Amino acid sequence: MYWWDLLFSYLHYVAIFAFLACLVAELLLYQPPFDERRARALGMVDLAYLFVAIFLFGAGFMRLWVSPKTGDFFWRNGFFYVKIACGTMIGLLSIIPTMHYYRYGKALAQGSAPVIALVEERRIRGYIVAQLVLACLMPLWGLLMARAHWLF
């Protein structure tokens, strides 16, 4: 059980860094001029973001089951639910930019770069920044959870 805990803890931490890297890459790529190359790169980064998010959730879920702390520790911990809520909010916030990138496909299929209004660009960047802020809070919630704060 000890080695499984170490393995999934390590994979979880690696996934956290990959998750943040995808978000930062998305933020850096999402700026004018929006040429075909940048639009395709954004689509690829967003797809990688999806896979990393699934891996991150899976590694975290496995930590729940192989941790030396019992499942009861997590189910009775308020910060566990804060982490779940924060992760859910990140997932929901990611839908808007993903759908935005999906609409790029029409312009790319015609061989032209997408045309994005300034208001739309700022709105999408706001969603990406909000995800980054919430993602940076996740380790704090995990730390507070591991230290057994807010048990009920």
N, C-alpha and C. Protein backbone atom coordinates (compact mmCIF):
# COMPACT_ATOMS: atom_id res chain seq x y z
N MET A 1 0.82 -1.19 0.00
CA MET A 1 0.00 0.00 0.00
C MET A 1 0.87 1.26 0.00
N TYR A 2 1.99 1.23 0.72
CA TYR A 2 2.88 2.38 0.83
C TYR A 2 3.41 2.79 -0.54
N TRP A 3 3.86 1.83 -1.35
CA TRP A 3 4.43 2.16 -2.65
C TRP A 3 3.37 2.70 -3.61
N TRP A 4 2.16 2.17 -3.50
CA TRP A 4 1.09 2.69 -4.33
C TRP A 4 0.78 4.14 -3.97
N ASP A 5 0.80 4.43 -2.70
CA ASP A 5 0.57 5.80 -2.25
C ASP A 5 1.65 6.73 -2.80
N LEU A 6 2.90 6.30 -2.73
CA LEU A 6 4.00 7.11 -3.29
C LEU A 6 3.83 7.31 -4.79
N LEU A 7 3.51 6.25 -5.49
CA LEU A 7 3.36 6.32 -6.95
C LEU A 7 2.26 7.30 -7.33
N PHE A 8 1.09 7.14 -6.73
CA PHE A 8 -0.02 8.00 -7.11
C PHE A 8 0.16 9.44 -6.61
N SER A 9 0.86 9.62 -5.50
CA SER A 9 1.19 10.98 -5.06
C SER A 9 2.10 11.65 -6.07
N TYR A 10 3.11 10.94 -6.52
CA TYR A 10 4.05 11.48 -7.51
C TYR A 10 3.31 11.80 -8.82
N LEU A 11 2.50 10.87 -9.30
CA LEU A 11 1.77 11.10 -10.54
C LEU A 11 0.81 12.28 -10.40
N HIS A 12 0.22 12.42 -9.24
CA HIS A 12 -0.70 13.53 -8.99
C HIS A 12 0.05 14.86 -9.06
N TYR A 13 1.22 14.93 -8.45
CA TYR A 13 2.01 16.17 -8.48
C TYR A 13 2.49 16.50 -9.88
N VAL A 14 2.94 15.50 -10.61
CA VAL A 14 3.36 15.73 -12.00
C VAL A 14 2.18 16.24 -12.82
N ALA A 15 1.02 15.65 -12.61
CA ALA A 15 -0.17 16.08 -13.34
C ALA A 15 -0.56 17.52 -12.98
N ILE A 16 -0.37 17.90 -11.73
CA ILE A 16 -0.67 19.29 -11.33
C ILE A 16 0.19 20.26 -12.13
N PHE A 17 1.49 19.96 -12.24
CA PHE A 17 2.38 20.85 -12.98
C PHE A 17 2.03 20.86 -14.47
N ALA A 18 1.70 19.71 -15.02
CA ALA A 18 1.30 19.65 -16.43
C ALA A 18 0.00 20.42 -16.66
N PHE A 19 -0.92 20.33 -15.72
CA PHE A 19 -2.19 21.04 -15.80
C PHE A 19 -1.96 22.55 -15.83
N LEU A 20 -1.13 23.02 -14.90
CA LEU A 20 -0.81 24.45 -14.85
C LEU A 20 -0.05 24.88 -16.11
N ALA A 21 0.83 24.03 -16.61
CA ALA A 21 1.57 24.36 -17.83
C ALA A 21 0.63 24.51 -19.02
N CYS A 22 -0.36 23.63 -19.11
CA CYS A 22 -1.35 23.75 -20.20
C CYS A 22 -2.13 25.05 -20.10
N LEU A 23 -2.53 25.41 -18.89
CA LEU A 23 -3.27 26.66 -18.71
C LEU A 23 -2.43 27.88 -19.06
N VAL A 24 -1.18 27.88 -18.63
CA VAL A 24 -0.29 29.00 -18.94
C VAL A 24 -0.04 29.06 -20.45
N ALA A 25 0.18 27.91 -21.08
CA ALA A 25 0.39 27.89 -22.53
C ALA A 25 -0.84 28.42 -23.25
N GLU A 26 -2.02 28.04 -22.78
CA GLU A 26 -3.26 28.52 -23.38
C GLU A 26 -3.36 30.05 -23.25
N LEU A 27 -3.02 30.55 -22.08
CA LEU A 27 -3.08 32.00 -21.86
C LEU A 27 -2.07 32.73 -22.75
N LEU A 28 -0.87 32.19 -22.88
CA LEU A 28 0.15 32.83 -23.71
C LEU A 28 -0.17 32.75 -25.20
N LEU A 29 -0.78 31.65 -25.62
CA LEU A 29 -1.12 31.50 -27.04
C LEU A 29 -2.35 32.32 -27.44
N TYR A 30 -3.23 32.56 -26.48
CA TYR A 30 -4.47 33.25 -26.81
C TYR A 30 -4.27 34.77 -26.78
N GLN A 31 -3.66 35.26 -27.85
CA GLN A 31 -3.47 36.70 -28.02
C GLN A 31 -3.31 36.98 -29.51
N PRO A 32 -3.70 38.16 -29.93
CA PRO A 32 -3.59 38.48 -31.35
C PRO A 32 -2.13 38.56 -31.79
N PRO A 33 -1.84 38.36 -33.02
CA PRO A 33 -2.74 38.04 -34.13
C PRO A 33 -3.09 36.55 -34.14
N PHE A 34 -4.32 36.24 -34.47
CA PHE A 34 -4.78 34.86 -34.50
C PHE A 34 -4.61 34.31 -35.91
N ASP A 35 -3.44 33.77 -36.15
CA ASP A 35 -3.22 33.15 -37.45
C ASP A 35 -3.56 31.66 -37.35
N GLU A 36 -3.49 30.99 -38.49
CA GLU A 36 -3.87 29.57 -38.55
C GLU A 36 -2.99 28.71 -37.64
N ARG A 37 -1.72 28.99 -37.61
CA ARG A 37 -0.78 28.21 -36.79
C ARG A 37 -1.11 28.34 -35.29
N ARG A 38 -1.37 29.54 -34.85
CA ARG A 38 -1.69 29.78 -33.43
C ARG A 38 -3.04 29.14 -33.07
N ALA A 39 -4.00 29.23 -33.98
CA ALA A 39 -5.31 28.63 -33.72
C ALA A 39 -5.19 27.11 -33.59
N ARG A 40 -4.41 26.48 -34.44
CA ARG A 40 -4.20 25.03 -34.34
C ARG A 40 -3.45 24.67 -33.05
N ALA A 41 -2.47 25.46 -32.69
CA ALA A 41 -1.72 25.21 -31.45
C ALA A 41 -2.64 25.32 -30.24
N LEU A 42 -3.53 26.30 -30.25
CA LEU A 42 -4.48 26.44 -29.15
C LEU A 42 -5.39 25.22 -29.05
N GLY A 43 -5.83 24.71 -30.17
CA GLY A 43 -6.66 23.51 -30.17
C GLY A 43 -5.92 22.32 -29.60
N MET A 44 -4.64 22.19 -29.94
CA MET A 44 -3.83 21.07 -29.44
C MET A 44 -3.58 21.22 -27.93
N VAL A 45 -3.28 22.42 -27.49
CA VAL A 45 -3.06 22.66 -26.06
C VAL A 45 -4.34 22.38 -25.28
N ASP A 46 -5.48 22.79 -25.83
CA ASP A 46 -6.75 22.55 -25.15
C ASP A 46 -7.04 21.05 -25.07
N LEU A 47 -6.71 20.30 -26.11
CA LEU A 47 -6.89 18.85 -26.07
C LEU A 47 -5.96 18.21 -25.04
N ALA A 48 -4.72 18.68 -25.00
CA ALA A 48 -3.78 18.19 -23.98
C ALA A 48 -4.29 18.52 -22.58
N TYR A 49 -4.86 19.70 -22.42
CA TYR A 49 -5.44 20.14 -21.15
C TYR A 49 -6.53 19.17 -20.70
N LEU A 50 -7.36 18.74 -21.63
CA LEU A 50 -8.41 17.78 -21.31
C LEU A 50 -7.82 16.47 -20.79
N PHE A 51 -6.85 15.93 -21.52
CA PHE A 51 -6.25 14.66 -21.12
C PHE A 51 -5.50 14.77 -19.79
N VAL A 52 -4.80 15.88 -19.59
CA VAL A 52 -4.10 16.08 -18.33
C VAL A 52 -5.09 16.22 -17.17
N ALA A 53 -6.20 16.90 -17.41
CA ALA A 53 -7.22 17.06 -16.37
C ALA A 53 -7.81 15.70 -15.98
N ILE A 54 -8.06 14.86 -16.96
CA ILE A 54 -8.57 13.51 -16.67
C ILE A 54 -7.54 12.72 -15.88
N PHE A 55 -6.28 12.80 -16.29
CA PHE A 55 -5.20 12.10 -15.59
C PHE A 55 -5.06 12.63 -14.16
N LEU A 56 -5.13 13.94 -14.01
CA LEU A 56 -5.03 14.56 -12.69
C LEU A 56 -6.15 14.08 -11.77
N PHE A 57 -7.36 14.08 -12.28
CA PHE A 57 -8.49 13.60 -11.49
C PHE A 57 -8.32 12.12 -11.13
N GLY A 58 -7.88 11.33 -12.10
CA GLY A 58 -7.68 9.90 -11.84
C GLY A 58 -6.61 9.64 -10.80
N ALA A 59 -5.50 10.35 -10.89
CA ALA A 59 -4.42 10.17 -9.92
C ALA A 59 -4.87 10.62 -8.53
N GLY A 60 -5.62 11.72 -8.47
CA GLY A 60 -6.13 12.19 -7.19
C GLY A 60 -7.14 11.22 -6.60
N PHE A 61 -7.98 10.67 -7.44
CA PHE A 61 -8.97 9.69 -6.98
C PHE A 61 -8.27 8.43 -6.46
N MET A 62 -7.23 8.00 -7.15
CA MET A 62 -6.49 6.81 -6.69
C MET A 62 -5.80 7.10 -5.36
N ARG A 63 -5.33 8.32 -5.17
CA ARG A 63 -4.72 8.68 -3.87
C ARG A 63 -5.74 8.54 -2.75
N LEU A 64 -6.98 8.84 -3.05
CA LEU A 64 -8.04 8.69 -2.06
C LEU A 64 -8.14 7.24 -1.59
N TRP A 65 -7.95 6.30 -2.50
CA TRP A 65 -8.15 4.90 -2.16
C TRP A 65 -6.90 4.20 -1.63
N VAL A 66 -5.70 4.66 -2.00
CA VAL A 66 -4.49 3.96 -1.56
C VAL A 66 -3.75 4.71 -0.46
N SER A 67 -4.28 5.84 -0.05
CA SER A 67 -3.63 6.63 0.99
C SER A 67 -3.65 5.89 2.33
N PRO A 68 -2.61 6.08 3.14
CA PRO A 68 -2.64 5.50 4.49
C PRO A 68 -3.78 6.07 5.34
N LYS A 69 -4.22 7.28 4.98
CA LYS A 69 -5.38 7.85 5.66
C LYS A 69 -6.62 7.14 5.10
N THR A 70 -7.54 6.85 5.95
CA THR A 70 -8.72 6.13 5.50
C THR A 70 -9.64 7.05 4.71
N GLY A 71 -10.51 6.43 3.92
CA GLY A 71 -11.49 7.20 3.17
C GLY A 71 -12.35 8.06 4.07
N ASP A 72 -12.58 7.58 5.29
CA ASP A 72 -13.37 8.33 6.26
C ASP A 72 -12.73 9.69 6.56
N PHE A 73 -11.40 9.73 6.55
CA PHE A 73 -10.69 10.99 6.78
C PHE A 73 -11.09 12.02 5.72
N PHE A 74 -11.15 11.58 4.47
CA PHE A 74 -11.47 12.50 3.38
C PHE A 74 -12.95 12.87 3.37
N TRP A 75 -13.81 11.90 3.56
CA TRP A 75 -15.25 12.16 3.50
C TRP A 75 -15.70 13.09 4.62
N ARG A 76 -14.96 13.12 5.73
CA ARG A 76 -15.32 13.98 6.87
C ARG A 76 -14.56 15.31 6.85
N ASN A 77 -13.81 15.58 5.82
CA ASN A 77 -12.96 16.76 5.75
C ASN A 77 -13.61 17.81 4.84
N GLY A 78 -13.89 18.98 5.39
CA GLY A 78 -14.53 20.04 4.62
C GLY A 78 -13.70 20.51 3.44
N PHE A 79 -12.38 20.52 3.59
CA PHE A 79 -11.53 20.99 2.49
C PHE A 79 -11.49 19.99 1.34
N PHE A 80 -11.83 18.75 1.59
CA PHE A 80 -11.97 17.78 0.50
C PHE A 80 -13.10 18.25 -0.43
N TYR A 81 -14.20 18.68 0.15
CA TYR A 81 -15.33 19.16 -0.63
C TYR A 81 -15.03 20.50 -1.30
N VAL A 82 -14.23 21.33 -0.64
CA VAL A 82 -13.82 22.59 -1.26
C VAL A 82 -12.97 22.28 -2.49
N LYS A 83 -12.08 21.30 -2.38
CA LYS A 83 -11.26 20.90 -3.53
C LYS A 83 -12.11 20.36 -4.67
N ILE A 84 -13.07 19.53 -4.34
CA ILE A 84 -13.96 18.98 -5.36
C ILE A 84 -14.75 20.11 -6.04
N ALA A 85 -15.26 21.04 -5.24
CA ALA A 85 -16.02 22.16 -5.80
C ALA A 85 -15.14 23.04 -6.67
N CYS A 86 -13.91 23.28 -6.24
CA CYS A 86 -12.98 24.11 -7.00
C CYS A 86 -12.64 23.42 -8.34
N GLY A 87 -12.39 22.13 -8.29
CA GLY A 87 -12.11 21.38 -9.52
C GLY A 87 -13.30 21.38 -10.46
N THR A 88 -14.49 21.28 -9.90
CA THR A 88 -15.70 21.33 -10.73
C THR A 88 -15.85 22.69 -11.38
N MET A 89 -15.57 23.75 -10.62
CA MET A 89 -15.65 25.10 -11.18
C MET A 89 -14.64 25.28 -12.31
N ILE A 90 -13.44 24.76 -12.13
CA ILE A 90 -12.43 24.85 -13.19
C ILE A 90 -12.92 24.13 -14.44
N GLY A 91 -13.47 22.94 -14.24
CA GLY A 91 -14.00 22.18 -15.37
C GLY A 91 -15.11 22.92 -16.10
N LEU A 92 -16.01 23.52 -15.34
CA LEU A 92 -17.11 24.26 -15.96
C LEU A 92 -16.61 25.51 -16.68
N LEU A 93 -15.64 26.20 -16.08
CA LEU A 93 -15.08 27.39 -16.72
C LEU A 93 -14.32 27.05 -18.01
N SER A 94 -13.81 25.84 -18.11
CA SER A 94 -13.04 25.46 -19.30
C SER A 94 -13.93 25.18 -20.50
N ILE A 95 -15.22 24.98 -20.28
CA ILE A 95 -16.12 24.66 -21.39
C ILE A 95 -16.22 25.82 -22.38
N ILE A 96 -16.31 27.05 -21.87
CA ILE A 96 -16.49 28.22 -22.75
C ILE A 96 -15.30 28.38 -23.71
N PRO A 97 -14.04 28.42 -23.21
CA PRO A 97 -12.93 28.52 -24.16
C PRO A 97 -12.85 27.32 -25.11
N THR A 98 -13.17 26.13 -24.62
CA THR A 98 -13.11 24.95 -25.49
C THR A 98 -14.11 25.08 -26.64
N MET A 99 -15.32 25.52 -26.34
CA MET A 99 -16.31 25.71 -27.40
C MET A 99 -15.87 26.83 -28.35
N HIS A 100 -15.23 27.83 -27.82
CA HIS A 100 -14.70 28.92 -28.64
C HIS A 100 -13.65 28.38 -29.62
N TYR A 101 -12.75 27.53 -29.13
CA TYR A 101 -11.74 26.94 -30.00
C TYR A 101 -12.37 26.00 -31.01
N TYR A 102 -13.43 25.33 -30.61
CA TYR A 102 -14.12 24.42 -31.53
C TYR A 102 -14.68 25.20 -32.72
N ARG A 103 -15.16 26.41 -32.46
CA ARG A 103 -15.66 27.24 -33.56
C ARG A 103 -14.55 27.66 -34.51
N TYR A 104 -13.31 27.64 -34.03
CA TYR A 104 -12.17 27.92 -34.91
C TYR A 104 -12.16 26.96 -36.09
N GLY A 105 -12.61 25.75 -35.84
CA GLY A 105 -12.55 24.69 -36.86
C GLY A 105 -13.17 25.09 -38.17
N LYS A 106 -14.25 25.85 -38.11
CA LYS A 106 -14.92 26.29 -39.34
C LYS A 106 -14.01 27.19 -40.16
N ALA A 107 -13.40 28.15 -39.49
CA ALA A 107 -12.49 29.06 -40.20
C ALA A 107 -11.25 28.31 -40.70
N LEU A 108 -10.73 27.40 -39.88
CA LEU A 108 -9.55 26.66 -40.29
C LEU A 108 -9.84 25.72 -41.46
N ALA A 109 -11.04 25.15 -41.49
CA ALA A 109 -11.42 24.26 -42.58
C ALA A 109 -11.46 25.02 -43.91
N GLN A 110 -11.76 26.30 -43.85
CA GLN A 110 -11.79 27.13 -45.06
C GLN A 110 -10.41 27.71 -45.37
N GLY A 111 -9.43 27.41 -44.52
CA GLY A 111 -8.07 27.87 -44.77
C GLY A 111 -7.80 29.29 -44.32
N SER A 112 -8.67 29.86 -43.50
CA SER A 112 -8.44 31.22 -43.03
C SER A 112 -8.29 31.24 -41.52
N ALA A 113 -7.67 32.27 -41.02
CA ALA A 113 -7.51 32.44 -39.58
C ALA A 113 -8.82 32.94 -38.99
N PRO A 114 -9.12 32.54 -37.75
CA PRO A 114 -10.37 33.01 -37.13
C PRO A 114 -10.32 34.51 -36.85
N VAL A 115 -11.47 35.16 -36.98
CA VAL A 115 -11.61 36.58 -36.68
C VAL A 115 -12.31 36.67 -35.33
N ILE A 116 -11.63 37.31 -34.36
CA ILE A 116 -12.16 37.37 -33.00
C ILE A 116 -12.26 38.83 -32.57
N ALA A 117 -13.45 39.21 -32.12
CA ALA A 117 -13.67 40.58 -31.65
C ALA A 117 -12.91 40.80 -30.34
N LEU A 118 -12.55 42.04 -30.08
CA LEU A 118 -11.79 42.37 -28.87
C LEU A 118 -12.55 41.99 -27.61
N VAL A 119 -13.85 42.21 -27.61
CA VAL A 119 -14.67 41.87 -26.43
C VAL A 119 -14.64 40.37 -26.19
N GLU A 120 -14.77 39.60 -27.25
CA GLU A 120 -14.73 38.13 -27.14
C GLU A 120 -13.35 37.66 -26.66
N GLU A 121 -12.31 38.28 -27.18
CA GLU A 121 -10.95 37.91 -26.75
C GLU A 121 -10.77 38.15 -25.25
N ARG A 122 -11.20 39.29 -24.77
CA ARG A 122 -11.07 39.60 -23.34
C ARG A 122 -11.90 38.65 -22.49
N ARG A 123 -13.08 38.30 -22.97
CA ARG A 123 -13.95 37.38 -22.22
C ARG A 123 -13.30 36.00 -22.09
N ILE A 124 -12.76 35.49 -23.19
CA ILE A 124 -12.13 34.16 -23.16
C ILE A 124 -10.88 34.20 -22.29
N ARG A 125 -10.08 35.26 -22.41
CA ARG A 125 -8.89 35.38 -21.55
C ARG A 125 -9.30 35.43 -20.07
N GLY A 126 -10.41 36.06 -19.77
CA GLY A 126 -10.92 36.10 -18.40
C GLY A 126 -11.24 34.71 -17.87
N TYR A 127 -11.84 33.88 -18.72
CA TYR A 127 -12.12 32.50 -18.32
C TYR A 127 -10.83 31.71 -18.06
N ILE A 128 -9.83 31.94 -18.89
CA ILE A 128 -8.55 31.23 -18.71
C ILE A 128 -7.88 31.69 -17.41
N VAL A 129 -7.88 32.99 -17.16
CA VAL A 129 -7.27 33.53 -15.94
C VAL A 129 -8.02 33.01 -14.71
N ALA A 130 -9.34 32.97 -14.77
CA ALA A 130 -10.13 32.46 -13.64
C ALA A 130 -9.77 31.00 -13.35
N GLN A 131 -9.58 30.21 -14.39
CA GLN A 131 -9.16 28.81 -14.20
C GLN A 131 -7.78 28.75 -13.54
N LEU A 132 -6.89 29.62 -13.98
CA LEU A 132 -5.53 29.64 -13.40
C LEU A 132 -5.56 30.01 -11.92
N VAL A 133 -6.35 31.00 -11.58
CA VAL A 133 -6.45 31.43 -10.18
C VAL A 133 -6.99 30.28 -9.32
N LEU A 134 -8.07 29.66 -9.78
CA LEU A 134 -8.64 28.53 -9.02
C LEU A 134 -7.66 27.36 -8.95
N ALA A 135 -6.96 27.09 -10.05
CA ALA A 135 -5.99 25.99 -10.05
C ALA A 135 -4.83 26.26 -9.09
N CYS A 136 -4.45 27.52 -8.95
CA CYS A 136 -3.38 27.85 -8.00
C CYS A 136 -3.83 27.74 -6.56
N LEU A 137 -5.14 27.82 -6.32
CA LEU A 137 -5.67 27.65 -4.97
C LEU A 137 -5.79 26.18 -4.57
N MET A 138 -5.84 25.29 -5.55
CA MET A 138 -6.04 23.87 -5.26
C MET A 138 -4.98 23.29 -4.31
N PRO A 139 -3.69 23.58 -4.51
CA PRO A 139 -2.71 23.03 -3.55
C PRO A 139 -2.93 23.53 -2.12
N LEU A 140 -3.40 24.77 -1.97
CA LEU A 140 -3.69 25.28 -0.63
C LEU A 140 -4.80 24.45 0.01
N TRP A 141 -5.86 24.18 -0.74
CA TRP A 141 -6.96 23.36 -0.20
C TRP A 141 -6.44 21.96 0.14
N GLY A 142 -5.57 21.42 -0.71
CA GLY A 142 -5.01 20.10 -0.44
C GLY A 142 -4.15 20.10 0.82
N LEU A 143 -3.38 21.15 1.00
CA LEU A 143 -2.54 21.27 2.19
C LEU A 143 -3.40 21.35 3.45
N LEU A 144 -4.42 22.18 3.42
CA LEU A 144 -5.31 22.29 4.57
C LEU A 144 -6.07 20.99 4.83
N MET A 145 -6.41 20.30 3.76
CA MET A 145 -7.08 19.02 3.91
C MET A 145 -6.15 18.00 4.56
N ALA A 146 -4.91 17.94 4.09
CA ALA A 146 -3.95 16.96 4.62
C ALA A 146 -3.62 17.23 6.08
N ARG A 147 -3.72 18.50 6.51
CA ARG A 147 -3.42 18.85 7.90
C ARG A 147 -4.63 18.69 8.80
N ALA A 148 -5.70 18.12 8.26
CA ALA A 148 -6.92 17.80 9.02
C ALA A 148 -7.63 19.01 9.58
N HIS A 149 -7.58 20.13 8.86
CA HIS A 149 -8.37 21.28 9.24
C HIS A 149 -9.80 21.04 8.78
N TRP A 150 -10.75 21.55 9.52
CA TRP A 150 -12.16 21.54 9.17
C TRP A 150 -12.73 20.12 9.06
N LEU A 151 -12.44 19.30 10.05
CA LEU A 151 -13.05 17.96 10.12
C LEU A 151 -14.42 18.07 10.76
N PHE A 152 -15.33 17.27 10.31
CA PHE A 152 -16.65 17.21 10.93
C PHE A 152 -17.08 15.77 11.08
